[in-house]
Amino acid sequence: MLRYLIQRRFTSTFYELFPKTFPQKLPIWTIDQSKLRKEYRQLQAQHHPDMAQQGSEQSSTLNQAYHTLKDPLRRSQYMLMLLRNIDLTQEQTSNNVTTSDPQLLLKVLDIHDEFSQMDNEDDVKNLAKENKQRIQDIEAHLEQCYNDKDYAAAIKLTVELKYWYNLAKAFKDWVPGKPLELNH
């Protein structure tokens, strides 16, 4: 992402790459996913290396932009970089936010501990369902934060969302009896 942001001075933001989906070319939270996907496919048809001789770099940038904008965590991280110059993809920056909210860290550690001791698939499914609801709640709250330009709250929620995304990945990878690897 950093490479792209350095190049951004000479090119455009990810939002500007999709003019039909983002006609105002401004960072926004709410996205019509089907419209974005359709425009992405149309643009890739024009710029994919198999279709255009000079399309490889543009195709790669479109791919990165699409995957960033379609994913709520990556989109929020990107928006905060654009709007506040805060790079939450850097562990140290995220850790600074987490240490300012010890309740969040305790909550995450408690759930990780509970999950690491589970050996029943139904229990894991129930915890995964709770986690999915947490993610949906945070994404809805992020929408409100960006609408209200409450970037301080958006920063905290984005860091929290990263924890829950990592936990969701661990649920997908869970196998009874297999040692659990959780990333914070």
C-alpha atoms as a PDB file:
ATOM      1  CA  MET A   1       0.000   0.000   0.000  1.00  0.00           C
ATOM      2  CA  LEU A   2       2.843   2.376   0.822  1.00  0.00           C
ATOM      3  CA  ARG A   3       4.298   2.016  -2.688  1.00  0.00           C
ATOM      4  CA  TYR A   4       0.942   2.947  -4.126  1.00  0.00           C
ATOM      5  CA  LEU A   5       0.602   5.985  -1.879  1.00  0.00           C
ATOM      6  CA  ILE A   6       3.997   7.258  -2.989  1.00  0.00           C
ATOM      7  CA  GLN A   7       2.958   6.748  -6.619  1.00  0.00           C
ATOM      8  CA  ARG A   8      -0.390   8.393  -5.845  1.00  0.00           C
ATOM      9  CA  ARG A   9       1.172  11.820  -6.235  1.00  0.00           C
ATOM     10  CA  PHE A  10       1.616  10.981  -9.891  1.00  0.00           C
ATOM     11  CA  THR A  11      -1.514   8.926 -10.489  1.00  0.00           C
ATOM     12  CA  SER A  12      -4.812   8.799  -8.637  1.00  0.00           C
ATOM     13  CA  THR A  13      -6.465   7.372  -5.563  1.00  0.00           C
ATOM     14  CA  PHE A  14      -8.167   4.023  -5.701  1.00  0.00           C
ATOM     15  CA  TYR A  15     -11.495   5.848  -5.766  1.00  0.00           C
ATOM     16  CA  GLU A  16     -10.524   7.769  -8.895  1.00  0.00           C
ATOM     17  CA  LEU A  17      -9.770   4.527 -10.718  1.00  0.00           C
ATOM     18  CA  PHE A  18     -13.490   3.648 -10.674  1.00  0.00           C
ATOM     19  CA  PRO A  19     -15.258   6.764 -12.024  1.00  0.00           C
ATOM     20  CA  LYS A  20     -18.635   5.068 -12.550  1.00  0.00           C
ATOM     21  CA  THR A  21     -18.752   3.736  -8.993  1.00  0.00           C
ATOM     22  CA  PHE A  22     -17.259   6.892  -7.415  1.00  0.00           C
ATOM     23  CA  PRO A  23     -18.219   9.810  -9.681  1.00  0.00           C
ATOM     24  CA  GLN A  24     -17.124  12.367  -7.074  1.00  0.00           C
ATOM     25  CA  LYS A  25     -13.742  10.602  -6.751  1.00  0.00           C
ATOM     26  CA  LEU A  26     -13.781  11.061  -2.975  1.00  0.00           C
ATOM     27  CA  PRO A  27     -13.175   8.472  -0.261  1.00  0.00           C
ATOM     28  CA  ILE A  28     -16.534   7.177   0.915  1.00  0.00           C
ATOM     29  CA  TRP A  29     -17.454   4.268   3.147  1.00  0.00           C
ATOM     30  CA  THR A  30     -20.671   3.047   1.572  1.00  0.00           C
ATOM     31  CA  ILE A  31     -20.044   1.145  -1.640  1.00  0.00           C
ATOM     32  CA  ASP A  32     -22.345  -0.533  -4.112  1.00  0.00           C
ATOM     33  CA  GLN A  33     -20.390  -3.796  -4.271  1.00  0.00           C
ATOM     34  CA  SER A  34     -22.051  -5.068  -7.449  1.00  0.00           C
ATOM     35  CA  LYS A  35     -21.405  -1.778  -9.257  1.00  0.00           C
ATOM     36  CA  LEU A  36     -17.765  -1.807  -8.137  1.00  0.00           C
ATOM     37  CA  ARG A  37     -17.325  -5.437  -9.252  1.00  0.00           C
ATOM     38  CA  LYS A  38     -18.898  -4.709 -12.646  1.00  0.00           C
ATOM     39  CA  GLU A  39     -16.703  -1.672 -13.266  1.00  0.00           C
ATOM     40  CA  TYR A  40     -13.617  -3.571 -12.089  1.00  0.00           C
ATOM     41  CA  ARG A  41     -14.311  -6.348 -14.588  1.00  0.00           C
ATOM     42  CA  GLN A  42     -14.854  -3.849 -17.398  1.00  0.00           C
ATOM     43  CA  LEU A  43     -11.607  -2.064 -16.607  1.00  0.00           C
ATOM     44  CA  GLN A  44      -9.682  -5.320 -16.297  1.00  0.00           C
ATOM     45  CA  ALA A  45     -10.984  -6.340 -19.716  1.00  0.00           C
ATOM     46  CA  GLN A  46      -9.298  -3.200 -21.086  1.00  0.00           C
ATOM     47  CA  HIS A  47      -6.065  -3.308 -19.072  1.00  0.00           C
ATOM     48  CA  HIS A  48      -5.333  -6.969 -18.381  1.00  0.00           C
ATOM     49  CA  PRO A  49      -1.909  -8.022 -19.773  1.00  0.00           C
ATOM     50  CA  ASP A  50      -3.628 -10.576 -22.005  1.00  0.00           C
ATOM     51  CA  MET A  51      -5.701  -7.788 -23.572  1.00  0.00           C
ATOM     52  CA  ALA A  52      -3.326  -4.811 -23.681  1.00  0.00           C
ATOM     53  CA  GLN A  53       0.426  -4.694 -24.293  1.00  0.00           C
ATOM     54  CA  GLN A  54       1.057  -2.021 -21.653  1.00  0.00           C
ATOM     55  CA  GLY A  55      -1.723  -3.115 -19.301  1.00  0.00           C
ATOM     56  CA  SER A  56       0.226  -5.105 -16.726  1.00  0.00           C
ATOM     57  CA  GLU A  57       0.951  -2.271 -14.279  1.00  0.00           C
ATOM     58  CA  GLN A  58      -2.521  -0.757 -14.646  1.00  0.00           C
ATOM     59  CA  SER A  59      -4.106  -4.184 -14.226  1.00  0.00           C
ATOM     60  CA  SER A  60      -2.120  -4.779 -11.059  1.00  0.00           C
ATOM     61  CA  THR A  61      -3.124  -1.386  -9.652  1.00  0.00           C
ATOM     62  CA  LEU A  62      -6.785  -2.005 -10.512  1.00  0.00           C
ATOM     63  CA  ASN A  63      -6.594  -5.379  -8.795  1.00  0.00           C
ATOM     64  CA  GLN A  64      -5.072  -3.864  -5.657  1.00  0.00           C
ATOM     65  CA  ALA A  65      -7.620  -1.033  -5.662  1.00  0.00           C
ATOM     66  CA  TYR A  66     -10.576  -3.352  -6.116  1.00  0.00           C
ATOM     67  CA  HIS A  67      -9.527  -5.714  -3.342  1.00  0.00           C
ATOM     68  CA  THR A  68      -8.855  -2.791  -1.012  1.00  0.00           C
ATOM     69  CA  LEU A  69     -12.175  -1.060  -1.636  1.00  0.00           C
ATOM     70  CA  LYS A  70     -14.364  -4.165  -1.525  1.00  0.00           C
ATOM     71  CA  ASP A  71     -13.025  -5.303   1.858  1.00  0.00           C
ATOM     72  CA  PRO A  72     -14.285  -3.236   4.837  1.00  0.00           C
ATOM     73  CA  LEU A  73     -11.095  -3.585   6.900  1.00  0.00           C
ATOM     74  CA  ARG A  74      -8.765  -2.702   4.051  1.00  0.00           C
ATOM     75  CA  ARG A  75     -11.096   0.082   2.887  1.00  0.00           C
ATOM     76  CA  SER A  76     -11.136   1.658   6.335  1.00  0.00           C
ATOM     77  CA  GLN A  77      -7.355   1.406   6.627  1.00  0.00           C
ATOM     78  CA  TYR A  78      -7.023   3.020   3.209  1.00  0.00           C
ATOM     79  CA  MET A  79      -9.512   5.787   4.007  1.00  0.00           C
ATOM     80  CA  LEU A  80      -7.663   6.645   7.214  1.00  0.00           C
ATOM     81  CA  MET A  81      -4.410   6.805   5.274  1.00  0.00           C
ATOM     82  CA  LEU A  82      -5.971   9.162   2.731  1.00  0.00           C
ATOM     83  CA  LEU A  83      -7.981  11.293   5.159  1.00  0.00           C
ATOM     84  CA  ARG A  84      -5.703  11.376   8.220  1.00  0.00           C
ATOM     85  CA  ASN A  85      -2.345  10.048   7.027  1.00  0.00           C
ATOM     86  CA  ILE A  86      -2.557   7.223   9.597  1.00  0.00           C
ATOM     87  CA  ASP A  87      -1.243   3.866   8.435  1.00  0.00           C
ATOM     88  CA  LEU A  88      -3.032   1.199  10.451  1.00  0.00           C
ATOM     89  CA  THR A  89      -1.435  -1.519   8.324  1.00  0.00           C
ATOM     90  CA  GLN A  90       1.704  -0.877  10.371  1.00  0.00           C
ATOM     91  CA  GLU A  91       1.726  -3.026  13.528  1.00  0.00           C
ATOM     92  CA  GLN A  92       3.262  -0.300  15.677  1.00  0.00           C
ATOM     93  CA  THR A  93       0.527   2.169  14.797  1.00  0.00           C
ATOM     94  CA  SER A  94      -2.174  -0.413  15.561  1.00  0.00           C
ATOM     95  CA  ASN A  95      -0.443  -1.350  18.809  1.00  0.00           C
ATOM     96  CA  ASN A  96      -0.406   2.291  19.887  1.00  0.00           C
ATOM     97  CA  VAL A  97      -4.169   2.445  19.414  1.00  0.00           C
ATOM     98  CA  THR A  98      -4.687  -0.836  21.258  1.00  0.00           C
ATOM     99  CA  THR A  99      -2.610   0.217  24.255  1.00  0.00           C
ATOM    100  CA  SER A 100      -4.763   3.321  24.555  1.00  0.00           C
ATOM    101  CA  ASP A 101      -7.800   1.033  25.019  1.00  0.00           C
ATOM    102  CA  PRO A 102      -6.897  -1.735  27.495  1.00  0.00           C
ATOM    103  CA  GLN A 103     -10.537  -2.908  27.667  1.00  0.00           C
ATOM    104  CA  LEU A 104     -10.391  -3.879  24.004  1.00  0.00           C
ATOM    105  CA  LEU A 105      -7.182  -5.815  24.506  1.00  0.00           C
ATOM    106  CA  LEU A 106      -8.645  -7.672  27.502  1.00  0.00           C
ATOM    107  CA  LYS A 107     -11.806  -8.519  25.550  1.00  0.00           C
ATOM    108  CA  VAL A 108      -9.792  -9.836  22.613  1.00  0.00           C
ATOM    109  CA  LEU A 109      -7.496 -11.864  24.849  1.00  0.00           C
ATOM    110  CA  ASP A 110     -10.453 -13.375  26.717  1.00  0.00           C
ATOM    111  CA  ILE A 111     -12.094 -14.492  23.478  1.00  0.00           C
ATOM    112  CA  HIS A 112      -8.803 -15.824  22.118  1.00  0.00           C
ATOM    113  CA  ASP A 113      -8.282 -17.776  25.334  1.00  0.00           C
ATOM    114  CA  GLU A 114     -11.829 -19.163  25.209  1.00  0.00           C
ATOM    115  CA  PHE A 115     -11.369 -20.160  21.575  1.00  0.00           C
ATOM    116  CA  SER A 116      -7.972 -21.775  22.119  1.00  0.00           C
ATOM    117  CA  GLN A 117      -9.501 -24.124  24.703  1.00  0.00           C
ATOM    118  CA  MET A 118     -12.396 -25.264  22.508  1.00  0.00           C
ATOM    119  CA  ASP A 119     -12.513 -28.759  21.107  1.00  0.00           C
ATOM    120  CA  ASN A 120     -16.185 -28.926  20.140  1.00  0.00           C
ATOM    121  CA  GLU A 121     -17.212 -27.862  16.635  1.00  0.00           C
ATOM    122  CA  ASP A 122     -20.619 -26.558  17.786  1.00  0.00           C
ATOM    123  CA  ASP A 123     -18.963 -24.298  20.369  1.00  0.00           C
ATOM    124  CA  VAL A 124     -16.610 -22.967  17.704  1.00  0.00           C
ATOM    125  CA  LYS A 125     -19.545 -22.329  15.360  1.00  0.00           C
ATOM    126  CA  ASN A 126     -21.372 -20.394  18.088  1.00  0.00           C
ATOM    127  CA  LEU A 127     -18.310 -18.281  18.839  1.00  0.00           C
ATOM    128  CA  ALA A 128     -17.811 -17.712  15.094  1.00  0.00           C
ATOM    129  CA  LYS A 129     -21.427 -16.553  14.818  1.00  0.00           C
ATOM    130  CA  GLU A 130     -20.898 -14.076  17.677  1.00  0.00           C
ATOM    131  CA  ASN A 131     -17.734 -12.854  15.999  1.00  0.00           C
ATOM    132  CA  LYS A 132     -19.533 -12.365  12.683  1.00  0.00           C
ATOM    133  CA  GLN A 133     -22.120 -10.220  14.462  1.00  0.00           C
ATOM    134  CA  ARG A 134     -19.337  -8.155  16.106  1.00  0.00           C
ATOM    135  CA  ILE A 135     -17.826  -7.558  12.670  1.00  0.00           C
ATOM    136  CA  GLN A 136     -21.174  -6.482  11.191  1.00  0.00           C
ATOM    137  CA  ASP A 137     -21.791  -4.132  14.130  1.00  0.00           C
ATOM    138  CA  ILE A 138     -18.373  -2.518  13.747  1.00  0.00           C
ATOM    139  CA  GLU A 139     -18.824  -2.108   9.997  1.00  0.00           C
ATOM    140  CA  ALA A 140     -22.159  -0.361  10.588  1.00  0.00           C
ATOM    141  CA  HIS A 141     -20.592   1.847  13.235  1.00  0.00           C
ATOM    142  CA  LEU A 142     -17.725   2.683  10.874  1.00  0.00           C
ATOM    143  CA  GLU A 143     -20.254   3.882   8.320  1.00  0.00           C
ATOM    144  CA  GLN A 144     -21.631   6.295  10.902  1.00  0.00           C
ATOM    145  CA  CYS A 145     -18.138   7.418  11.916  1.00  0.00           C
ATOM    146  CA  TYR A 146     -17.178   8.233   8.338  1.00  0.00           C
ATOM    147  CA  ASN A 147     -20.493   9.995   7.717  1.00  0.00           C
ATOM    148  CA  ASP A 148     -19.917  12.082  10.875  1.00  0.00           C
ATOM    149  CA  LYS A 149     -16.183  12.517  10.146  1.00  0.00           C
ATOM    150  CA  ASP A 150     -15.424  11.031  13.551  1.00  0.00           C
ATOM    151  CA  TYR A 151     -11.993   9.769  12.569  1.00  0.00           C
ATOM    152  CA  ALA A 152     -10.805   9.123  16.136  1.00  0.00           C
ATOM    153  CA  ALA A 153     -13.604   6.590  16.576  1.00  0.00           C
ATOM    154  CA  ALA A 154     -12.972   5.180  13.083  1.00  0.00           C
ATOM    155  CA  ILE A 155      -9.335   4.560  13.994  1.00  0.00           C
ATOM    156  CA  LYS A 156     -10.251   2.593  17.129  1.00  0.00           C
ATOM    157  CA  LEU A 157     -12.953   0.624  15.337  1.00  0.00           C
ATOM    158  CA  THR A 158     -10.624  -0.231  12.463  1.00  0.00           C
ATOM    159  CA  VAL A 159      -8.029  -1.625  14.854  1.00  0.00           C
ATOM    160  CA  GLU A 160     -10.740  -3.608  16.632  1.00  0.00           C
ATOM    161  CA  LEU A 161     -12.080  -4.862  13.306  1.00  0.00           C
ATOM    162  CA  LYS A 162      -8.637  -6.216  12.459  1.00  0.00           C
ATOM    163  CA  TYR A 163      -8.693  -8.332  15.632  1.00  0.00           C
ATOM    164  CA  TRP A 164     -12.096  -9.780  14.781  1.00  0.00           C
ATOM    165  CA  TYR A 165     -11.064 -10.445  11.170  1.00  0.00           C
ATOM    166  CA  ASN A 166      -8.033 -12.375  12.432  1.00  0.00           C
ATOM    167  CA  LEU A 167     -10.283 -14.352  14.751  1.00  0.00           C
ATOM    168  CA  ALA A 168     -12.676 -15.092  11.854  1.00  0.00           C
ATOM    169  CA  LYS A 169      -9.754 -16.481   9.870  1.00  0.00           C
ATOM    170  CA  ALA A 170      -8.786 -18.671  12.830  1.00  0.00           C
ATOM    171  CA  PHE A 171     -12.343 -20.038  12.941  1.00  0.00           C
ATOM    172  CA  LYS A 172     -12.094 -21.049   9.292  1.00  0.00           C
ATOM    173  CA  ASP A 173      -8.743 -22.760   9.898  1.00  0.00           C
ATOM    174  CA  TRP A 174      -9.823 -24.487  13.117  1.00  0.00           C
ATOM    175  CA  VAL A 175      -9.266 -28.222  13.365  1.00  0.00           C
ATOM    176  CA  PRO A 176      -9.963 -30.120  16.608  1.00  0.00           C
ATOM    177  CA  GLY A 177      -6.743 -30.941  18.451  1.00  0.00           C
ATOM    178  CA  LYS A 178      -4.581 -28.803  16.188  1.00  0.00           C
ATOM    179  CA  PRO A 179      -2.588 -26.077  17.971  1.00  0.00           C
ATOM    180  CA  LEU A 180      -4.209 -22.711  17.460  1.00  0.00           C
ATOM    181  CA  GLU A 181      -2.294 -19.818  15.937  1.00  0.00           C
ATOM    182  CA  LEU A 182      -3.899 -16.453  16.503  1.00  0.00           C
ATOM    183  CA  ASN A 183      -2.494 -13.178  15.213  1.00  0.00           C
ATOM    184  CA  HIS A 184      -3.154 -10.022  17.133  1.00  0.00           C
END
